[in-house]
C-alpha atoms as a PDB file:
ATOM      1  CA  UNK A   1     130.837 127.746 109.641  1.00  0.00           C
ATOM      2  CA  UNK A   2     133.100 126.959 106.673  1.00  0.00           C
ATOM      3  CA  UNK A   3     135.777 124.208 106.996  1.00  0.00           C
ATOM      4  CA  UNK A   4     138.663 126.718 107.056  1.00  0.00           C
ATOM      5  CA  UNK A   5     137.126 128.686 109.949  1.00  0.00           C
ATOM      6  CA  UNK A   6     136.438 125.466 111.859  1.00  0.00           C
ATOM      7  CA  UNK A   7     140.071 124.427 111.429  1.00  0.00           C
ATOM      8  CA  UNK A   8     141.232 127.858 112.661  1.00  0.00           C
ATOM      9  CA  UNK A   9     139.111 127.471 115.803  1.00  0.00           C
ATOM     10  CA  UNK A  10     140.287 123.904 116.465  1.00  0.00           C
ATOM     11  CA  UNK A  11     143.975 124.840 116.530  1.00  0.00           C
ATOM     12  CA  UNK A  12     143.499 127.002 119.650  1.00  0.00           C
ATOM     13  CA  UNK A  13     143.910 124.197 122.197  1.00  0.00           C
ATOM     14  CA  UNK A  14     143.732 125.375 125.832  1.00  0.00           C
ATOM     15  CA  UNK A  15     145.493 123.318 128.515  1.00  0.00           C
ATOM     16  CA  UNK A  16     143.818 125.336 131.307  1.00  0.00           C
ATOM     17  CA  UNK A  17     140.193 126.366 130.619  1.00  0.00           C
ATOM     18  CA  UNK A  18     139.387 129.912 131.778  1.00  0.00           C
ATOM     19  CA  UNK A  19     136.722 128.727 134.267  1.00  0.00           C
ATOM     20  CA  UNK A  20     138.801 125.920 135.856  1.00  0.00           C
ATOM     21  CA  UNK A  21     139.149 125.605 139.669  1.00  0.00           C
ATOM     22  CA  UNK A  22     142.485 125.501 141.594  1.00  0.00           C
ATOM     23  CA  UNK A  23     142.862 121.700 141.538  1.00  0.00           C
ATOM     24  CA  UNK A  24     142.039 121.494 137.870  1.00  0.00           C
ATOM     25  CA  UNK A  25     144.486 124.293 137.164  1.00  0.00           C
ATOM     26  CA  UNK A  26     147.318 122.436 138.899  1.00  0.00           C
ATOM     27  CA  UNK A  27     146.515 119.254 136.997  1.00  0.00           C
ATOM     28  CA  UNK A  28     146.205 121.129 133.750  1.00  0.00           C
ATOM     29  CA  UNK A  29     149.703 122.612 134.060  1.00  0.00           C
ATOM     30  CA  UNK A  30     151.017 119.087 133.572  1.00  0.00           C
ATOM     31  CA  UNK A  31     149.203 118.970 130.212  1.00  0.00           C
ATOM     32  CA  UNK A  32     150.511 122.385 129.033  1.00  0.00           C
ATOM     33  CA  UNK A  33     153.463 120.923 127.046  1.00  0.00           C
ATOM     34  CA  UNK A  34     151.072 118.527 125.328  1.00  0.00           C
ATOM     35  CA  UNK A  35     148.667 121.372 124.474  1.00  0.00           C
ATOM     36  CA  UNK A  36     151.555 123.443 123.092  1.00  0.00           C
ATOM     37  CA  UNK A  37     152.668 120.529 120.955  1.00  0.00           C
ATOM     38  CA  UNK A  38     149.094 120.052 119.734  1.00  0.00           C
ATOM     39  CA  UNK A  39     148.864 123.732 118.748  1.00  0.00           C
ATOM     40  CA  UNK A  40     152.122 123.508 116.834  1.00  0.00           C
ATOM     41  CA  UNK A  41     150.906 120.364 115.102  1.00  0.00           C
ATOM     42  CA  UNK A  42     147.584 122.018 114.186  1.00  0.00           C
ATOM     43  CA  UNK A  43     149.425 125.042 112.781  1.00  0.00           C
ATOM     44  CA  UNK A  44     151.618 122.791 110.664  1.00  0.00           C
ATOM     45  CA  UNK A  45     148.611 120.884 109.326  1.00  0.00           C
ATOM     46  CA  UNK A  46     146.837 124.119 108.376  1.00  0.00           C
ATOM     47  CA  UNK A  47     149.926 125.368 106.541  1.00  0.00           C
ATOM     48  CA  UNK A  48     150.179 122.107 104.610  1.00  0.00           C
ATOM     49  CA  UNK A  49     146.466 122.248 103.763  1.00  0.00           C
ATOM     50  CA  UNK A  50     146.819 125.837 102.537  1.00  0.00           C
ATOM     51  CA  UNK A  51     149.771 124.937 100.316  1.00  0.00           C
ATOM     52  CA  UNK A  52     147.911 121.960  98.893  1.00  0.00           C
ATOM     53  CA  UNK A  53     144.863 124.118  98.198  1.00  0.00           C
ATOM     54  CA  UNK A  54     147.041 126.680  96.386  1.00  0.00           C
ATOM     55  CA  UNK A  55     148.598 123.925  94.278  1.00  0.00           C
ATOM     56  CA  UNK A  56     145.189 122.473  93.395  1.00  0.00           C
ATOM     57  CA  UNK A  57     143.935 125.934  92.368  1.00  0.00           C
ATOM     58  CA  UNK A  58     147.039 126.532  90.260  1.00  0.00           C
ATOM     59  CA  UNK A  59     146.736 123.114  88.592  1.00  0.00           C
ATOM     60  CA  UNK A  60     143.060 123.753  87.850  1.00  0.00           C
ATOM     61  CA  UNK A  61     143.897 127.128  86.286  1.00  0.00           C
ATOM     62  CA  UNK A  62     146.603 125.505  84.125  1.00  0.00           C
ATOM     63  CA  UNK A  63     144.183 122.787  83.030  1.00  0.00           C
ATOM     64  CA  UNK A  64     141.550 125.381  82.071  1.00  0.00           C
ATOM     65  CA  UNK A  65     144.126 127.378  80.123  1.00  0.00           C
ATOM     66  CA  UNK A  66     145.344 124.246  78.338  1.00  0.00           C
ATOM     67  CA  UNK A  67     141.781 123.264  77.424  1.00  0.00           C
ATOM     68  CA  UNK A  68     141.074 126.705  75.960  1.00  0.00           C
ATOM     69  CA  UNK A  69     144.369 126.652  74.077  1.00  0.00           C
ATOM     70  CA  UNK A  70     143.567 123.214  72.629  1.00  0.00           C
ATOM     71  CA  UNK A  71     140.138 124.441  71.483  1.00  0.00           C
ATOM     72  CA  UNK A  72     141.739 127.501  69.885  1.00  0.00           C
ATOM     73  CA  UNK A  73     144.331 125.411  68.022  1.00  0.00           C
ATOM     74  CA  UNK A  74     141.657 122.992  66.825  1.00  0.00           C
ATOM     75  CA  UNK A  75     139.659 125.897  65.347  1.00  0.00           C
ATOM     76  CA  UNK A  76     142.733 127.304  63.657  1.00  0.00           C
ATOM     77  CA  UNK A  77     143.592 123.908  62.146  1.00  0.00           C
ATOM     78  CA  UNK A  78     140.027 123.509  60.890  1.00  0.00           C
ATOM     79  CA  UNK A  79     140.271 126.959  59.344  1.00  0.00           C
ATOM     80  CA  UNK A  80     143.404 125.909  57.417  1.00  0.00           C
ATOM     81  CA  UNK A  81     141.723 122.713  56.225  1.00  0.00           C
ATOM     82  CA  UNK A  82     138.641 124.594  55.054  1.00  0.00           C
ATOM     83  CA  UNK A  83     140.439 127.490  53.389  1.00  0.00           C
ATOM     84  CA  UNK A  84     139.984 126.888  49.683  1.00  0.00           C
ATOM     85  CA  UNK A  85     142.753 126.988  47.080  1.00  0.00           C
ATOM     86  CA  UNK A  86     141.270 130.152  45.538  1.00  0.00           C
ATOM     87  CA  UNK A  87     142.749 133.328  46.990  1.00  0.00           C
ATOM     88  CA  UNK A  88     139.655 135.085  48.365  1.00  0.00           C
ATOM     89  CA  UNK A  89     140.255 138.566  49.776  1.00  0.00           C
ATOM     90  CA  UNK A  90     140.916 138.490  53.508  1.00  0.00           C
ATOM     91  CA  UNK A  91     137.983 140.845  54.057  1.00  0.00           C
ATOM     92  CA  UNK A  92     135.521 142.721  51.875  1.00  0.00           C
ATOM     93  CA  UNK A  93     134.395 145.133  54.584  1.00  0.00           C
ATOM     94  CA  UNK A  94     135.273 148.768  54.159  1.00  0.00           C
ATOM     95  CA  UNK A  95     135.229 149.018  57.938  1.00  0.00           C
ATOM     96  CA  UNK A  96     136.687 147.510  60.020  1.00  0.00           C
ATOM     97  CA  UNK A  97     139.943 146.714  58.255  1.00  0.00           C
ATOM     98  CA  UNK A  98     140.430 143.344  59.897  1.00  0.00           C
ATOM     99  CA  UNK A  99     143.102 142.537  57.312  1.00  0.00           C
ATOM    100  CA  UNK A 100     145.309 145.119  59.035  1.00  0.00           C
ATOM    101  CA  UNK A 101     146.007 142.403  61.619  1.00  0.00           C
ATOM    102  CA  UNK A 102     148.330 139.514  60.659  1.00  0.00           C
ATOM    103  CA  UNK A 103     145.726 136.771  61.246  1.00  0.00           C
ATOM    104  CA  UNK A 104     142.331 137.980  62.425  1.00  0.00           C
ATOM    105  CA  UNK A 105     140.863 134.476  62.718  1.00  0.00           C
ATOM    106  CA  UNK A 106     143.639 133.393  65.099  1.00  0.00           C
ATOM    107  CA  UNK A 107     143.284 136.693  66.934  1.00  0.00           C
ATOM    108  CA  UNK A 108     139.553 136.109  67.452  1.00  0.00           C
ATOM    109  CA  UNK A 109     140.088 132.495  68.506  1.00  0.00           C
ATOM    110  CA  UNK A 110     142.475 133.602  71.227  1.00  0.00           C
ATOM    111  CA  UNK A 111     140.697 136.750  72.438  1.00  0.00           C
ATOM    112  CA  UNK A 112     137.130 135.468  72.228  1.00  0.00           C
ATOM    113  CA  UNK A 113     135.657 132.295  73.695  1.00  0.00           C
ATOM    114  CA  UNK A 114     135.720 128.913  71.894  1.00  0.00           C
ATOM    115  CA  UNK A 115     132.821 128.266  69.528  1.00  0.00           C
ATOM    116  CA  UNK A 116     131.031 125.885  71.921  1.00  0.00           C
ATOM    117  CA  UNK A 117     131.097 128.477  74.699  1.00  0.00           C
ATOM    118  CA  UNK A 118     129.754 131.161  72.350  1.00  0.00           C
ATOM    119  CA  UNK A 119     126.940 128.798  71.278  1.00  0.00           C
ATOM    120  CA  UNK A 120     125.945 128.343  74.927  1.00  0.00           C
ATOM    121  CA  UNK A 121     125.741 132.115  75.398  1.00  0.00           C
ATOM    122  CA  UNK A 122     123.639 132.545  72.265  1.00  0.00           C
ATOM    123  CA  UNK A 123     121.041 129.845  72.957  1.00  0.00           C
ATOM    124  CA  UNK A 124     118.687 132.445  74.414  1.00  0.00           C
ATOM    125  CA  UNK A 125     118.170 133.904  70.915  1.00  0.00           C
ATOM    126  CA  UNK A 126     116.677 130.700  69.529  1.00  0.00           C
ATOM    127  CA  UNK A 127     113.365 131.160  71.345  1.00  0.00           C
ATOM    128  CA  UNK A 128     113.376 134.880  70.487  1.00  0.00           C
ATOM    129  CA  UNK A 129     113.770 134.159  66.772  1.00  0.00           C
ATOM    130  CA  UNK A 130     111.137 131.420  66.636  1.00  0.00           C
ATOM    131  CA  UNK A 131     108.513 132.562  64.141  1.00  0.00           C
ATOM    132  CA  UNK A 132     110.778 135.238  62.618  1.00  0.00           C
ATOM    133  CA  UNK A 133     112.238 133.380  59.638  1.00  0.00           C
ATOM    134  CA  UNK A 134     114.015 133.981  57.412  1.00  0.00           C
ATOM    135  CA  UNK A 135     116.861 135.236  59.581  1.00  0.00           C
ATOM    136  CA  UNK A 136     119.898 137.082  58.242  1.00  0.00           C
ATOM    137  CA  UNK A 137     122.838 136.951  60.661  1.00  0.00           C
ATOM    138  CA  UNK A 138     125.280 139.709  59.698  1.00  0.00           C
ATOM    139  CA  UNK A 139     128.847 139.396  60.909  1.00  0.00           C
ATOM    140  CA  UNK A 140     128.069 135.738  61.625  1.00  0.00           C
ATOM    141  CA  UNK A 141     131.709 134.807  62.307  1.00  0.00           C
ATOM    142  CA  UNK A 142     132.176 131.078  62.849  1.00  0.00           C
ATOM    143  CA  UNK A 143     128.406 130.553  62.608  1.00  0.00           C
ATOM    144  CA  UNK A 144     127.503 129.705  66.199  1.00  0.00           C
ATOM    145  CA  UNK A 145     124.039 131.283  66.025  1.00  0.00           C
ATOM    146  CA  UNK A 146     123.345 129.805  62.593  1.00  0.00           C
ATOM    147  CA  UNK A 147     124.220 126.369  63.936  1.00  0.00           C
ATOM    148  CA  UNK A 148     121.711 126.800  66.783  1.00  0.00           C
ATOM    149  CA  UNK A 149     119.007 128.019  64.402  1.00  0.00           C
ATOM    150  CA  UNK A 150     119.596 125.087  62.073  1.00  0.00           C
ATOM    151  CA  UNK A 151     119.119 122.680  64.983  1.00  0.00           C
ATOM    152  CA  UNK A 152     115.839 124.470  65.766  1.00  0.00           C
ATOM    153  CA  UNK A 153     114.710 124.235  62.106  1.00  0.00           C
ATOM    154  CA  UNK A 154     114.639 128.035  61.738  1.00  0.00           C
ATOM    155  CA  UNK A 155     115.509 129.200  58.220  1.00  0.00           C
ATOM    156  CA  UNK A 156     118.650 131.343  58.457  1.00  0.00           C
ATOM    157  CA  UNK A 157     121.695 132.401  56.476  1.00  0.00           C
ATOM    158  CA  UNK A 158     124.763 134.423  57.350  1.00  0.00           C
ATOM    159  CA  UNK A 159     127.154 136.944  55.903  1.00  0.00           C
ATOM    160  CA  UNK A 160     130.633 137.860  57.048  1.00  0.00           C
ATOM    161  CA  UNK A 161     133.343 140.020  55.528  1.00  0.00           C
ATOM    162  CA  UNK A 162     136.197 137.748  56.651  1.00  0.00           C
ATOM    163  CA  UNK A 163     137.179 134.923  54.284  1.00  0.00           C
ATOM    164  CA  UNK A 164     138.426 132.593  57.020  1.00  0.00           C
ATOM    165  CA  UNK A 165     135.255 133.009  59.084  1.00  0.00           C
ATOM    166  CA  UNK A 166     133.192 132.184  56.009  1.00  0.00           C
ATOM    167  CA  UNK A 167     135.305 129.119  55.190  1.00  0.00           C
ATOM    168  CA  UNK A 168     135.024 127.877  58.771  1.00  0.00           C
ATOM    169  CA  UNK A 169     131.236 128.342  58.877  1.00  0.00           C
ATOM    170  CA  UNK A 170     130.773 126.661  55.501  1.00  0.00           C
ATOM    171  CA  UNK A 171     132.804 123.736  56.813  1.00  0.00           C
ATOM    172  CA  UNK A 172     130.036 123.332  59.393  1.00  0.00           C
ATOM    173  CA  UNK A 173     127.536 123.011  56.544  1.00  0.00           C
ATOM    174  CA  UNK A 174     126.068 126.485  57.108  1.00  0.00           C
ATOM    175  CA  UNK A 175     124.748 128.853  54.437  1.00  0.00           C
ATOM    176  CA  UNK A 176     127.206 131.735  54.639  1.00  0.00           C
ATOM    177  CA  UNK A 177     128.624 134.103  52.038  1.00  0.00           C
ATOM    178  CA  UNK A 178     131.501 136.555  52.090  1.00  0.00           C
ATOM    179  CA  UNK A 179     130.079 140.031  51.602  1.00  0.00           C
ATOM    180  CA  UNK A 180     129.891 143.458  53.161  1.00  0.00           C
ATOM    181  CA  UNK A 181     126.949 143.757  55.548  1.00  0.00           C
ATOM    182  CA  UNK A 182     125.741 147.057  54.048  1.00  0.00           C
ATOM    183  CA  UNK A 183     125.729 145.648  50.514  1.00  0.00           C
ATOM    184  CA  UNK A 184     123.871 142.536  51.686  1.00  0.00           C
ATOM    185  CA  UNK A 185     121.201 144.497  53.568  1.00  0.00           C
ATOM    186  CA  UNK A 186     120.731 146.919  50.667  1.00  0.00           C
ATOM    187  CA  UNK A 187     119.791 143.962  48.434  1.00  0.00           C
ATOM    188  CA  UNK A 188     117.598 142.138  50.997  1.00  0.00           C
ATOM    189  CA  UNK A 189     113.811 142.356  51.390  1.00  0.00           C
ATOM    190  CA  UNK A 190     111.113 140.637  53.423  1.00  0.00           C
ATOM    191  CA  UNK A 191     113.372 139.355  56.181  1.00  0.00           C
ATOM    192  CA  UNK A 192     111.848 138.034  59.381  1.00  0.00           C
ATOM    193  CA  UNK A 193     114.846 139.012  61.509  1.00  0.00           C
ATOM    194  CA  UNK A 194     118.251 140.643  61.258  1.00  0.00           C
ATOM    195  CA  UNK A 195     120.778 139.658  63.911  1.00  0.00           C
ATOM    196  CA  UNK A 196     124.158 141.259  64.586  1.00  0.00           C
ATOM    197  CA  UNK A 197     125.897 139.780  67.622  1.00  0.00           C
ATOM    198  CA  UNK A 198     129.088 141.535  68.737  1.00  0.00           C
ATOM    199  CA  UNK A 199     129.137 143.498  65.470  1.00  0.00           C
ATOM    200  CA  UNK A 200     127.867 147.065  65.966  1.00  0.00           C
ATOM    201  CA  UNK A 201     130.834 148.080  68.132  1.00  0.00           C
ATOM    202  CA  UNK A 202     132.965 147.579  65.004  1.00  0.00           C
ATOM    203  CA  UNK A 203     131.022 150.202  63.025  1.00  0.00           C
ATOM    204  CA  UNK A 204     131.853 153.920  63.076  1.00  0.00           C
ATOM    205  CA  UNK A 205     128.853 156.219  63.710  1.00  0.00           C
ATOM    206  CA  UNK A 206     127.935 156.943  60.085  1.00  0.00           C
ATOM    207  CA  UNK A 207     128.222 153.262  59.121  1.00  0.00           C
ATOM    208  CA  UNK A 208     126.201 152.229  62.183  1.00  0.00           C
ATOM    209  CA  UNK A 209     123.402 154.668  61.329  1.00  0.00           C
ATOM    210  CA  UNK A 210     123.326 153.394  57.727  1.00  0.00           C
ATOM    211  CA  UNK A 211     123.310 149.785  58.930  1.00  0.00           C
ATOM    212  CA  UNK A 212     120.251 150.407  61.107  1.00  0.00           C
ATOM    213  CA  UNK A 213     118.463 152.226  58.284  1.00  0.00           C
ATOM    214  CA  UNK A 214     119.116 149.384  55.822  1.00  0.00           C
ATOM    215  CA  UNK A 215     118.140 146.734  58.381  1.00  0.00           C
ATOM    216  CA  UNK A 216     114.786 148.444  58.926  1.00  0.00           C
ATOM    217  CA  UNK A 217     114.158 148.578  55.167  1.00  0.00           C
ATOM    218  CA  UNK A 218     115.132 144.911  54.692  1.00  0.00           C
ATOM    219  CA  UNK A 219     112.757 143.624  57.367  1.00  0.00           C
ATOM    220  CA  UNK A 220     109.132 142.739  56.712  1.00  0.00           C
ATOM    221  CA  UNK A 221     106.587 144.623  58.872  1.00  0.00           C
ATOM    222  CA  UNK A 222     106.807 143.135  62.354  1.00  0.00           C
ATOM    223  CA  UNK A 223     110.312 141.823  61.654  1.00  0.00           C
ATOM    224  CA  UNK A 224     112.813 141.703  64.492  1.00  0.00           C
ATOM    225  CA  UNK A 225     116.194 143.389  64.905  1.00  0.00           C
ATOM    226  CA  UNK A 226     118.560 141.770  67.420  1.00  0.00           C
ATOM    227  CA  UNK A 227     121.815 143.473  68.366  1.00  0.00           C
ATOM    228  CA  UNK A 228     124.320 142.295  70.981  1.00  0.00           C
ATOM    229  CA  UNK A 229     127.341 144.258  72.104  1.00  0.00           C
ATOM    230  CA  UNK A 230     129.713 144.873  75.003  1.00  0.00           C
ATOM    231  CA  UNK A 231     128.447 146.812  78.020  1.00  0.00           C
ATOM    232  CA  UNK A 232     130.899 149.699  78.529  1.00  0.00           C
ATOM    233  CA  UNK A 233     129.440 150.434  81.980  1.00  0.00           C
ATOM    234  CA  UNK A 234     131.687 147.812  83.586  1.00  0.00           C
ATOM    235  CA  UNK A 235     135.522 147.789  83.579  1.00  0.00           C
ATOM    236  CA  UNK A 236     135.817 144.052  82.898  1.00  0.00           C
ATOM    237  CA  UNK A 237     133.819 144.401  79.678  1.00  0.00           C
ATOM    238  CA  UNK A 238     135.893 147.386  78.604  1.00  0.00           C
ATOM    239  CA  UNK A 239     139.009 145.243  78.863  1.00  0.00           C
ATOM    240  CA  UNK A 240     137.470 142.857  76.293  1.00  0.00           C
ATOM    241  CA  UNK A 241     136.433 145.815  74.168  1.00  0.00           C
ATOM    242  CA  UNK A 242     139.928 147.295  73.933  1.00  0.00           C
ATOM    243  CA  UNK A 243     141.468 143.875  73.306  1.00  0.00           C
ATOM    244  CA  UNK A 244     140.072 143.956  69.752  1.00  0.00           C
ATOM    245  CA  UNK A 245     141.882 146.565  67.673  1.00  0.00           C
ATOM    246  CA  UNK A 246     139.122 146.597  65.021  1.00  0.00           C
ATOM    247  CA  UNK A 247     136.506 148.061  67.375  1.00  0.00           C
ATOM    248  CA  UNK A 248     135.316 151.549  66.445  1.00  0.00           C
ATOM    249  CA  UNK A 249     133.739 152.721  69.723  1.00  0.00           C
ATOM    250  CA  UNK A 250     131.945 151.308  72.764  1.00  0.00           C
ATOM    251  CA  UNK A 251     128.194 151.875  72.746  1.00  0.00           C
ATOM    252  CA  UNK A 252     126.306 152.862  75.885  1.00  0.00           C
ATOM    253  CA  UNK A 253     123.034 150.909  75.951  1.00  0.00           C
ATOM    254  CA  UNK A 254     120.801 153.963  76.016  1.00  0.00           C
ATOM    255  CA  UNK A 255     122.707 155.477  73.081  1.00  0.00           C
ATOM    256  CA  UNK A 256     122.233 152.390  70.917  1.00  0.00           C
ATOM    257  CA  UNK A 257     118.584 152.155  71.962  1.00  0.00           C
ATOM    258  CA  UNK A 258     118.032 155.746  70.809  1.00  0.00           C
ATOM    259  CA  UNK A 259     119.766 155.108  67.465  1.00  0.00           C
ATOM    260  CA  UNK A 260     117.571 152.050  66.871  1.00  0.00           C
ATOM    261  CA  UNK A 261     114.457 154.093  67.619  1.00  0.00           C
ATOM    262  CA  UNK A 262     115.607 156.865  65.268  1.00  0.00           C
ATOM    263  CA  UNK A 263     115.972 154.256  62.509  1.00  0.00           C
ATOM    264  CA  UNK A 264     112.225 153.578  62.743  1.00  0.00           C
ATOM    265  CA  UNK A 265     112.039 150.593  65.118  1.00  0.00           C
ATOM    266  CA  UNK A 266     109.462 150.444  67.899  1.00  0.00           C
ATOM    267  CA  UNK A 267     109.122 148.433  71.111  1.00  0.00           C
ATOM    268  CA  UNK A 268     112.899 148.781  71.525  1.00  0.00           C
ATOM    269  CA  UNK A 269     114.040 146.807  74.567  1.00  0.00           C
ATOM    270  CA  UNK A 270     117.388 146.436  76.382  1.00  0.00           C
ATOM    271  CA  UNK A 271     118.232 143.084  77.926  1.00  0.00           C
ATOM    272  CA  UNK A 272     121.363 142.686  80.089  1.00  0.00           C
ATOM    273  CA  UNK A 273     123.473 139.564  79.552  1.00  0.00           C
ATOM    274  CA  UNK A 274     126.359 137.566  81.029  1.00  0.00           C
ATOM    275  CA  UNK A 275     126.497 138.998  84.536  1.00  0.00           C
ATOM    276  CA  UNK A 276     129.511 137.894  86.619  1.00  0.00           C
ATOM    277  CA  UNK A 277     129.003 136.652  90.198  1.00  0.00           C
ATOM    278  CA  UNK A 278     127.904 139.621  92.367  1.00  0.00           C
ATOM    279  CA  UNK A 279     130.014 141.242  95.065  1.00  0.00           C
ATOM    280  CA  UNK A 280     128.820 141.264  98.681  1.00  0.00           C
ATOM    281  CA  UNK A 281     128.312 145.032  98.449  1.00  0.00           C
ATOM    282  CA  UNK A 282     125.444 145.870  96.009  1.00  0.00           C
ATOM    283  CA  UNK A 283     127.044 149.243  95.220  1.00  0.00           C
ATOM    284  CA  UNK A 284     130.281 147.575  94.121  1.00  0.00           C
ATOM    285  CA  UNK A 285     128.288 145.045  92.109  1.00  0.00           C
ATOM    286  CA  UNK A 286     126.525 147.854  90.273  1.00  0.00           C
ATOM    287  CA  UNK A 287     129.765 149.667  89.422  1.00  0.00           C
ATOM    288  CA  UNK A 288     132.287 146.868  88.906  1.00  0.00           C
ATOM    289  CA  UNK A 289     130.350 143.616  88.433  1.00  0.00           C
ATOM    290  CA  UNK A 290     127.640 144.746  86.006  1.00  0.00           C
ATOM    291  CA  UNK A 291     126.618 142.465  83.089  1.00  0.00           C
ATOM    292  CA  UNK A 292     129.369 142.169  80.484  1.00  0.00           C
ATOM    293  CA  UNK A 293     127.036 142.449  77.476  1.00  0.00           C
ATOM    294  CA  UNK A 294     123.578 143.611  76.519  1.00  0.00           C
ATOM    295  CA  UNK A 295     121.131 142.973  73.691  1.00  0.00           C
ATOM    296  CA  UNK A 296     118.809 145.394  71.925  1.00  0.00           C
ATOM    297  CA  UNK A 297     115.546 144.113  70.453  1.00  0.00           C
ATOM    298  CA  UNK A 298     113.502 146.265  68.063  1.00  0.00           C
ATOM    299  CA  UNK A 299     110.433 145.641  65.897  1.00  0.00           C
ATOM    300  CA  UNK A 300     110.206 147.021  62.324  1.00  0.00           C
END
């Protein structure tokens, strides 16, 4: 029994037990005012405990929000420090037009998780990419995956269309250039792996199909394609999807798997990621608490 249920049971003080005899009943009537007072006292204690619990929960939520806000502001300050004096174009991508937003870096810092949290989510790819160097991470953003691969001594470089993302990643000592992903893939050959984490949902259908075609051509035989995107089969993930105005369309896992196969990849696998805590009802879990993301793995 949980502590709250035990406290609920303990407040029901009986002055006269149901199975008491006549003498015990007469004696117990004397104690009835004391039992009533005890019940009132127990009720008051439970109300105080509930209020304290609510305040602790609210304070914890405020502390979490403040911590995330501090991490966001630190990233934005680092971005300003690392932005060079030369006026690089805000983005070189034809799609999406991230420069249509006032400050896409700040937008991403607020709407997405802090860099350390993203690194924790992406650690699973390190073992997957072992033995698949060199790695090209397209749409590398702040460079979380590149940082993990560097720590694992896996040769990797990144490309991103956004100038601030590139400046931030370079400030971490990472090999990143500002370029369009299609142009970069068209010039690449003999890659061991191409990764695109939370990127393909930004690409309209024709651009996505071309991206997959170029990725297949840029990979050496046996090279690995790794894609990660939002799972539109769950409402919580869709909220994150629509929060970013540069997204082109959500991609159902089976649809993306088919597109990857059509581009020439084999052994195409779906892996579900970042599942929230399940609901007590498995049917509700399946519909409303499904994994927030998924990854597609394909071999060239």
